[in-house]
Amino acid sequence: MAGPPIEPQEYLYGPTVVQIEDLRVARGLTRRPLSSCRHRQLVYDDKERRVWCQDCEQEVESFDAFLSVVGVFQRAKAEIDRRRRELEEVEKFRIVSRAAKAMDAAWRKRDTAPLCPHCMTAILPEDVAKGVAECSRSLAQARRKKPTK
């Protein structure tokens, strides 16, 4: 007799078990149902290496805990960016306000008058009482950057 017949080994041809969890994750479904708890009070246990919610006393997945920590930092960064933009707007307004105060203080002096910073001629209140000529701010800034001949 030649011996028992050779039985094919299934592990050589790849797994025959379909992992349902992979399909659930691909579709956005998880094993655990969504709960009403937002898991705001997370406890990180170093000894057991697990994360759980102090409010509902359920174990929280590591990725969800990571997302909650990242969410706190993202909200803080958004708040800092918002405050920075507000400060920039206030500083821009302040420059105009400070310039107006400086001109007003210079005109209040009886003996002197403010000078134009470019042509060094005196600017008197009577010169601007009826209105002033205006031009585009970007055009004026470009003209200042242009080298003079």
N, C-alpha and C. Protein backbone atom coordinates (compact mmCIF):
# COMPACT_ATOMS: atom_id res chain seq x y z
N MET A 1 0.82 -1.16 0.00
CA MET A 1 0.00 0.00 0.00
C MET A 1 0.88 1.25 0.00
N ALA A 2 0.46 2.26 -0.69
CA ALA A 2 1.27 3.46 -0.86
C ALA A 2 1.11 4.42 0.32
N GLY A 3 0.16 4.29 1.15
CA GLY A 3 -0.03 5.17 2.29
C GLY A 3 -1.34 5.95 2.16
N PRO A 4 -1.61 6.75 3.14
CA PRO A 4 -2.86 7.51 3.09
C PRO A 4 -2.82 8.54 1.96
N PRO A 5 -4.00 8.89 1.42
CA PRO A 5 -4.01 9.89 0.34
C PRO A 5 -3.58 11.26 0.88
N ILE A 6 -3.01 12.05 0.00
CA ILE A 6 -2.55 13.39 0.40
C ILE A 6 -3.76 14.32 0.45
N GLU A 7 -3.93 14.92 1.59
CA GLU A 7 -5.04 15.88 1.75
C GLU A 7 -4.49 17.29 1.50
N PRO A 8 -5.20 18.07 0.69
CA PRO A 8 -4.70 19.44 0.45
C PRO A 8 -4.80 20.28 1.72
N GLN A 9 -3.80 21.07 1.95
CA GLN A 9 -3.78 21.95 3.12
C GLN A 9 -4.38 23.29 2.72
N GLU A 10 -5.42 23.69 3.43
CA GLU A 10 -6.15 24.91 3.05
C GLU A 10 -5.34 26.18 3.31
N TYR A 11 -4.43 26.13 4.27
CA TYR A 11 -3.68 27.35 4.57
C TYR A 11 -2.73 27.73 3.45
N LEU A 12 -2.47 26.81 2.53
CA LEU A 12 -1.60 27.13 1.41
C LEU A 12 -2.31 27.97 0.36
N TYR A 13 -3.62 27.89 0.32
CA TYR A 13 -4.39 28.58 -0.72
C TYR A 13 -5.01 29.89 -0.23
N GLY A 14 -4.69 30.32 0.96
CA GLY A 14 -5.24 31.57 1.48
C GLY A 14 -6.37 31.29 2.45
N PRO A 15 -6.80 32.29 3.18
CA PRO A 15 -7.85 32.08 4.17
C PRO A 15 -9.20 31.86 3.50
N THR A 16 -9.96 30.99 4.09
CA THR A 16 -11.32 30.75 3.58
C THR A 16 -12.35 31.41 4.48
N VAL A 17 -11.91 32.04 5.55
CA VAL A 17 -12.83 32.69 6.48
C VAL A 17 -12.95 34.16 6.07
N VAL A 18 -14.18 34.61 5.91
CA VAL A 18 -14.44 36.00 5.58
C VAL A 18 -14.56 36.78 6.89
N GLN A 19 -13.78 37.83 7.01
CA GLN A 19 -13.82 38.64 8.22
C GLN A 19 -14.95 39.66 8.10
N ILE A 20 -16.01 39.46 8.85
CA ILE A 20 -17.17 40.35 8.80
C ILE A 20 -16.79 41.73 9.36
N GLU A 21 -15.88 41.77 10.33
CA GLU A 21 -15.51 43.06 10.91
C GLU A 21 -14.92 44.00 9.87
N ASP A 22 -14.15 43.44 8.93
CA ASP A 22 -13.57 44.28 7.88
C ASP A 22 -14.65 44.90 7.02
N LEU A 23 -15.69 44.14 6.72
CA LEU A 23 -16.80 44.68 5.93
C LEU A 23 -17.55 45.75 6.71
N ARG A 24 -17.74 45.52 8.00
CA ARG A 24 -18.45 46.51 8.83
C ARG A 24 -17.67 47.82 8.90
N VAL A 25 -16.38 47.72 9.11
CA VAL A 25 -15.56 48.93 9.20
C VAL A 25 -15.55 49.66 7.86
N ALA A 26 -15.50 48.92 6.76
CA ALA A 26 -15.50 49.54 5.44
C ALA A 26 -16.80 50.29 5.18
N ARG A 27 -17.90 49.80 5.74
CA ARG A 27 -19.20 50.47 5.56
C ARG A 27 -19.46 51.53 6.62
N GLY A 28 -18.57 51.65 7.57
CA GLY A 28 -18.76 52.65 8.61
C GLY A 28 -19.56 52.14 9.79
N LEU A 29 -19.79 50.85 9.88
CA LEU A 29 -20.54 50.27 10.99
C LEU A 29 -19.55 49.70 12.00
N THR A 30 -19.92 49.73 13.26
CA THR A 30 -19.07 49.15 14.29
C THR A 30 -19.85 48.11 15.06
N ARG A 31 -19.15 47.35 15.88
CA ARG A 31 -19.81 46.33 16.68
C ARG A 31 -20.65 46.94 17.77
N ARG A 32 -20.22 48.07 18.28
CA ARG A 32 -20.92 48.69 19.39
C ARG A 32 -21.94 49.70 18.87
N PRO A 33 -23.13 49.69 19.44
CA PRO A 33 -24.11 50.70 19.03
C PRO A 33 -23.72 52.07 19.58
N LEU A 34 -24.16 53.11 18.90
CA LEU A 34 -23.89 54.46 19.36
C LEU A 34 -24.67 54.72 20.64
N SER A 35 -24.03 55.31 21.61
CA SER A 35 -24.71 55.60 22.87
C SER A 35 -24.97 57.10 22.95
N SER A 36 -25.80 57.47 23.91
CA SER A 36 -26.12 58.88 24.07
C SER A 36 -25.01 59.63 24.80
N CYS A 37 -24.09 58.90 25.45
CA CYS A 37 -22.98 59.53 26.17
C CYS A 37 -21.95 60.04 25.17
N ARG A 38 -21.47 61.25 25.39
CA ARG A 38 -20.48 61.85 24.49
C ARG A 38 -19.05 61.55 24.95
N HIS A 39 -18.90 60.83 26.05
CA HIS A 39 -17.60 60.43 26.60
C HIS A 39 -16.69 61.64 26.81
N ARG A 40 -17.17 62.59 27.60
CA ARG A 40 -16.38 63.79 27.89
C ARG A 40 -15.41 63.57 29.04
N GLN A 41 -15.72 62.64 29.94
CA GLN A 41 -14.89 62.38 31.12
C GLN A 41 -14.12 61.08 30.91
N LEU A 42 -13.07 61.12 30.13
CA LEU A 42 -12.30 59.92 29.83
C LEU A 42 -11.25 59.67 30.92
N VAL A 43 -11.08 58.40 31.25
CA VAL A 43 -10.07 57.98 32.22
C VAL A 43 -9.09 57.09 31.48
N TYR A 44 -7.80 57.44 31.56
CA TYR A 44 -6.76 56.66 30.90
C TYR A 44 -6.07 55.81 31.97
N ASP A 45 -6.29 54.50 31.91
CA ASP A 45 -5.73 53.58 32.89
C ASP A 45 -4.41 53.04 32.36
N ASP A 46 -3.30 53.43 33.03
CA ASP A 46 -1.97 53.00 32.58
C ASP A 46 -1.71 51.53 32.87
N LYS A 47 -2.23 51.03 33.98
CA LYS A 47 -1.95 49.65 34.36
C LYS A 47 -2.65 48.66 33.45
N GLU A 48 -3.91 48.90 33.17
CA GLU A 48 -4.67 47.98 32.31
C GLU A 48 -4.61 48.36 30.84
N ARG A 49 -4.01 49.51 30.55
CA ARG A 49 -3.88 50.00 29.17
C ARG A 49 -5.23 50.05 28.47
N ARG A 50 -6.16 50.73 29.12
CA ARG A 50 -7.48 50.89 28.52
C ARG A 50 -8.00 52.29 28.82
N VAL A 51 -8.98 52.68 28.05
CA VAL A 51 -9.61 53.99 28.20
C VAL A 51 -11.09 53.75 28.45
N TRP A 52 -11.63 54.40 29.46
CA TRP A 52 -13.05 54.24 29.74
C TRP A 52 -13.65 55.57 30.16
N CYS A 53 -14.96 55.66 30.00
CA CYS A 53 -15.69 56.89 30.29
C CYS A 53 -16.13 56.86 31.75
N GLN A 54 -15.90 57.95 32.45
CA GLN A 54 -16.28 58.02 33.85
C GLN A 54 -17.79 58.24 34.01
N ASP A 55 -18.45 58.82 33.03
CA ASP A 55 -19.89 59.08 33.11
C ASP A 55 -20.71 57.80 32.94
N CYS A 56 -20.46 57.09 31.84
CA CYS A 56 -21.27 55.90 31.53
C CYS A 56 -20.57 54.59 31.89
N GLU A 57 -19.31 54.67 32.33
CA GLU A 57 -18.52 53.52 32.75
C GLU A 57 -18.41 52.45 31.66
N GLN A 58 -18.31 52.88 30.42
CA GLN A 58 -18.08 51.97 29.31
C GLN A 58 -16.67 52.16 28.79
N GLU A 59 -16.13 51.09 28.24
CA GLU A 59 -14.80 51.18 27.65
C GLU A 59 -14.90 51.93 26.32
N VAL A 60 -13.95 52.81 26.08
CA VAL A 60 -13.93 53.63 24.87
C VAL A 60 -12.78 53.15 24.01
N GLU A 61 -13.03 53.06 22.72
CA GLU A 61 -11.97 52.63 21.81
C GLU A 61 -10.86 53.67 21.78
N SER A 62 -9.66 53.19 21.57
CA SER A 62 -8.48 54.07 21.61
C SER A 62 -8.56 55.17 20.56
N PHE A 63 -9.04 54.83 19.37
CA PHE A 63 -9.11 55.82 18.30
C PHE A 63 -10.13 56.91 18.64
N ASP A 64 -11.26 56.52 19.25
CA ASP A 64 -12.25 57.51 19.64
C ASP A 64 -11.70 58.44 20.73
N ALA A 65 -10.93 57.88 21.66
CA ALA A 65 -10.30 58.70 22.70
C ALA A 65 -9.29 59.66 22.07
N PHE A 66 -8.54 59.18 21.10
CA PHE A 66 -7.58 60.02 20.40
C PHE A 66 -8.29 61.15 19.67
N LEU A 67 -9.41 60.84 19.02
CA LEU A 67 -10.17 61.87 18.31
C LEU A 67 -10.69 62.93 19.28
N SER A 68 -11.10 62.53 20.47
CA SER A 68 -11.59 63.53 21.43
C SER A 68 -10.46 64.45 21.89
N VAL A 69 -9.27 63.89 22.08
CA VAL A 69 -8.12 64.72 22.48
C VAL A 69 -7.75 65.68 21.34
N VAL A 70 -7.72 65.16 20.13
CA VAL A 70 -7.39 66.00 18.97
C VAL A 70 -8.45 67.08 18.77
N GLY A 71 -9.71 66.74 19.03
CA GLY A 71 -10.78 67.72 18.89
C GLY A 71 -10.61 68.90 19.83
N VAL A 72 -10.14 68.64 21.05
CA VAL A 72 -9.90 69.72 22.01
C VAL A 72 -8.83 70.66 21.47
N PHE A 73 -7.75 70.10 20.95
CA PHE A 73 -6.67 70.94 20.43
C PHE A 73 -7.10 71.69 19.16
N GLN A 74 -7.92 71.07 18.33
CA GLN A 74 -8.39 71.76 17.12
C GLN A 74 -9.28 72.94 17.49
N ARG A 75 -10.17 72.74 18.46
CA ARG A 75 -11.03 73.85 18.89
C ARG A 75 -10.20 74.97 19.51
N ALA A 76 -9.18 74.62 20.29
CA ALA A 76 -8.32 75.64 20.89
C ALA A 76 -7.56 76.41 19.81
N LYS A 77 -7.08 75.71 18.79
CA LYS A 77 -6.36 76.38 17.70
C LYS A 77 -7.29 77.30 16.91
N ALA A 78 -8.52 76.84 16.68
CA ALA A 78 -9.49 77.68 15.97
C ALA A 78 -9.80 78.95 16.77
N GLU A 79 -9.90 78.83 18.09
CA GLU A 79 -10.15 79.99 18.94
C GLU A 79 -8.97 80.96 18.90
N ILE A 80 -7.76 80.44 18.93
CA ILE A 80 -6.56 81.29 18.86
C ILE A 80 -6.50 82.00 17.51
N ASP A 81 -6.81 81.30 16.43
CA ASP A 81 -6.80 81.92 15.10
C ASP A 81 -7.85 83.02 15.01
N ARG A 82 -9.04 82.78 15.59
CA ARG A 82 -10.10 83.79 15.57
C ARG A 82 -9.66 85.03 16.33
N ARG A 83 -9.07 84.84 17.50
CA ARG A 83 -8.60 85.99 18.29
C ARG A 83 -7.49 86.75 17.57
N ARG A 84 -6.60 86.03 16.89
CA ARG A 84 -5.52 86.68 16.15
C ARG A 84 -6.10 87.56 15.04
N ARG A 85 -7.11 87.04 14.32
CA ARG A 85 -7.73 87.85 13.26
C ARG A 85 -8.41 89.09 13.84
N GLU A 86 -9.07 88.95 14.99
CA GLU A 86 -9.70 90.11 15.62
C GLU A 86 -8.66 91.15 16.02
N LEU A 87 -7.55 90.69 16.57
CA LEU A 87 -6.49 91.63 16.97
C LEU A 87 -5.90 92.35 15.76
N GLU A 88 -5.73 91.64 14.66
CA GLU A 88 -5.21 92.29 13.45
C GLU A 88 -6.17 93.37 12.96
N GLU A 89 -7.48 93.10 13.03
CA GLU A 89 -8.45 94.11 12.61
C GLU A 89 -8.40 95.33 13.53
N VAL A 90 -8.28 95.08 14.84
CA VAL A 90 -8.21 96.19 15.79
C VAL A 90 -6.95 97.01 15.56
N GLU A 91 -5.83 96.34 15.29
CA GLU A 91 -4.58 97.07 15.06
C GLU A 91 -4.65 97.90 13.79
N LYS A 92 -5.31 97.39 12.75
CA LYS A 92 -5.46 98.19 11.52
C LYS A 92 -6.29 99.43 11.80
N PHE A 93 -7.35 99.28 12.58
CA PHE A 93 -8.18 100.43 12.91
C PHE A 93 -7.41 101.41 13.79
N ARG A 94 -6.59 100.88 14.68
CA ARG A 94 -5.81 101.72 15.57
C ARG A 94 -4.84 102.61 14.82
N ILE A 95 -4.23 102.10 13.77
CA ILE A 95 -3.27 102.89 13.00
C ILE A 95 -3.96 104.13 12.43
N VAL A 96 -5.14 103.95 11.86
CA VAL A 96 -5.88 105.08 11.30
C VAL A 96 -6.28 106.04 12.41
N SER A 97 -6.72 105.49 13.52
CA SER A 97 -7.13 106.33 14.64
C SER A 97 -5.95 107.12 15.21
N ARG A 98 -4.79 106.46 15.34
CA ARG A 98 -3.61 107.15 15.86
C ARG A 98 -3.15 108.24 14.89
N ALA A 99 -3.24 107.98 13.60
CA ALA A 99 -2.85 108.99 12.61
C ALA A 99 -3.78 110.20 12.69
N ALA A 100 -5.06 109.94 12.84
CA ALA A 100 -6.02 111.05 12.95
C ALA A 100 -5.77 111.85 14.22
N LYS A 101 -5.46 111.17 15.32
CA LYS A 101 -5.17 111.87 16.57
C LYS A 101 -3.90 112.72 16.44
N ALA A 102 -2.89 112.18 15.77
CA ALA A 102 -1.64 112.93 15.60
C ALA A 102 -1.87 114.18 14.76
N MET A 103 -2.65 114.06 13.68
CA MET A 103 -2.94 115.23 12.85
C MET A 103 -3.77 116.25 13.63
N ASP A 104 -4.73 115.77 14.41
CA ASP A 104 -5.56 116.67 15.19
C ASP A 104 -4.72 117.41 16.24
N ALA A 105 -3.82 116.67 16.89
CA ALA A 105 -2.95 117.31 17.89
C ALA A 105 -2.03 118.33 17.24
N ALA A 106 -1.54 118.02 16.04
CA ALA A 106 -0.66 118.98 15.35
C ALA A 106 -1.43 120.22 14.93
N TRP A 107 -2.67 120.09 14.51
CA TRP A 107 -3.46 121.24 14.09
C TRP A 107 -3.90 122.10 15.28
N ARG A 108 -3.97 121.51 16.47
CA ARG A 108 -4.38 122.28 17.65
C ARG A 108 -3.28 123.25 18.11
N LYS A 109 -2.06 122.98 17.74
CA LYS A 109 -0.98 123.89 18.11
C LYS A 109 -1.15 125.18 17.32
N ARG A 110 -0.94 126.31 17.96
CA ARG A 110 -1.19 127.58 17.30
C ARG A 110 0.00 128.05 16.48
N ASP A 111 1.17 127.63 16.84
CA ASP A 111 2.36 128.17 16.18
C ASP A 111 2.87 127.31 15.03
N THR A 112 2.49 126.00 14.98
CA THR A 112 3.04 125.11 13.96
C THR A 112 1.91 124.42 13.20
N ALA A 113 2.28 123.86 12.06
CA ALA A 113 1.34 123.09 11.24
C ALA A 113 2.03 121.79 10.82
N PRO A 114 1.28 120.70 10.67
CA PRO A 114 1.91 119.44 10.25
C PRO A 114 2.39 119.54 8.80
N LEU A 115 3.46 118.81 8.50
CA LEU A 115 4.02 118.81 7.16
C LEU A 115 3.66 117.52 6.44
N CYS A 116 3.55 117.64 5.14
CA CYS A 116 3.37 116.46 4.30
C CYS A 116 4.68 115.66 4.36
N PRO A 117 4.62 114.35 4.63
CA PRO A 117 5.87 113.60 4.76
C PRO A 117 6.63 113.45 3.45
N HIS A 118 6.01 113.75 2.32
CA HIS A 118 6.66 113.54 1.02
C HIS A 118 7.23 114.84 0.45
N CYS A 119 6.40 115.89 0.41
CA CYS A 119 6.87 117.13 -0.21
C CYS A 119 7.26 118.18 0.81
N MET A 120 7.06 117.90 2.09
CA MET A 120 7.44 118.78 3.20
C MET A 120 6.81 120.16 3.12
N THR A 121 5.58 120.23 2.61
CA THR A 121 4.84 121.49 2.65
C THR A 121 3.81 121.40 3.77
N ALA A 122 3.46 122.54 4.31
CA ALA A 122 2.53 122.57 5.45
C ALA A 122 1.12 122.20 5.00
N ILE A 123 0.45 121.42 5.84
CA ILE A 123 -0.95 121.08 5.61
C ILE A 123 -1.76 121.86 6.64
N LEU A 124 -2.54 122.81 6.17
CA LEU A 124 -3.34 123.63 7.06
C LEU A 124 -4.77 123.11 7.10
N PRO A 125 -5.48 123.34 8.18
CA PRO A 125 -6.87 122.87 8.26
C PRO A 125 -7.75 123.44 7.16
N GLU A 126 -7.44 124.65 6.71
CA GLU A 126 -8.25 125.25 5.64
C GLU A 126 -8.09 124.48 4.34
N ASP A 127 -6.93 123.80 4.18
CA ASP A 127 -6.69 123.05 2.94
C ASP A 127 -7.61 121.84 2.81
N VAL A 128 -8.00 121.28 3.93
CA VAL A 128 -8.81 120.06 3.88
C VAL A 128 -10.22 120.27 4.41
N ALA A 129 -10.61 121.50 4.71
CA ALA A 129 -11.94 121.77 5.26
C ALA A 129 -13.04 121.46 4.26
N LYS A 130 -12.77 121.69 2.98
CA LYS A 130 -13.79 121.45 1.96
C LYS A 130 -13.74 120.05 1.39
N GLY A 131 -12.85 119.19 1.93
CA GLY A 131 -12.70 117.84 1.42
C GLY A 131 -11.30 117.64 0.88
N VAL A 132 -10.94 116.41 0.68
CA VAL A 132 -9.59 116.11 0.21
C VAL A 132 -9.69 115.23 -1.03
N ALA A 133 -8.67 115.34 -1.85
CA ALA A 133 -8.58 114.45 -3.01
C ALA A 133 -8.13 113.08 -2.50
N GLU A 134 -8.65 112.02 -3.11
CA GLU A 134 -8.34 110.67 -2.67
C GLU A 134 -7.82 109.84 -3.83
N CYS A 135 -7.05 108.81 -3.50
CA CYS A 135 -6.61 107.85 -4.50
C CYS A 135 -6.61 106.47 -3.86
N SER A 136 -6.44 105.47 -4.67
CA SER A 136 -6.44 104.09 -4.18
C SER A 136 -5.24 103.85 -3.27
N ARG A 137 -5.47 103.16 -2.16
CA ARG A 137 -4.39 102.87 -1.23
C ARG A 137 -3.35 101.95 -1.86
N SER A 138 -3.81 100.93 -2.61
CA SER A 138 -2.86 100.01 -3.24
C SER A 138 -2.03 100.74 -4.30
N LEU A 139 -2.64 101.70 -5.02
CA LEU A 139 -1.89 102.48 -6.01
C LEU A 139 -0.84 103.35 -5.32
N ALA A 140 -1.21 103.96 -4.20
CA ALA A 140 -0.26 104.80 -3.48
C ALA A 140 0.89 103.98 -2.91
N GLN A 141 0.60 102.78 -2.40
CA GLN A 141 1.67 101.93 -1.87
C GLN A 141 2.59 101.45 -2.98
N ALA A 142 2.02 101.13 -4.14
CA ALA A 142 2.85 100.70 -5.27
C ALA A 142 3.73 101.85 -5.76
N ARG A 143 3.19 103.06 -5.73
CA ARG A 143 3.95 104.23 -6.16
C ARG A 143 5.12 104.49 -5.21
N ARG A 144 4.92 104.23 -3.91
CA ARG A 144 6.00 104.43 -2.94
C ARG A 144 7.10 103.39 -3.11
N LYS A 145 6.74 102.18 -3.48
CA LYS A 145 7.73 101.12 -3.65
C LYS A 145 8.56 101.31 -4.92
N LYS A 146 7.99 102.00 -5.89
CA LYS A 146 8.67 102.21 -7.17
C LYS A 146 9.88 103.12 -6.95
N PRO A 147 11.05 102.71 -7.46
CA PRO A 147 12.24 103.55 -7.26
C PRO A 147 12.12 104.86 -8.03
N THR A 148 12.57 105.91 -7.41
CA THR A 148 12.52 107.23 -8.06
C THR A 148 13.76 107.41 -8.93
N LYS A 149 13.59 108.20 -9.99
CA LYS A 149 14.69 108.43 -10.94
C LYS A 149 15.52 109.60 -10.54
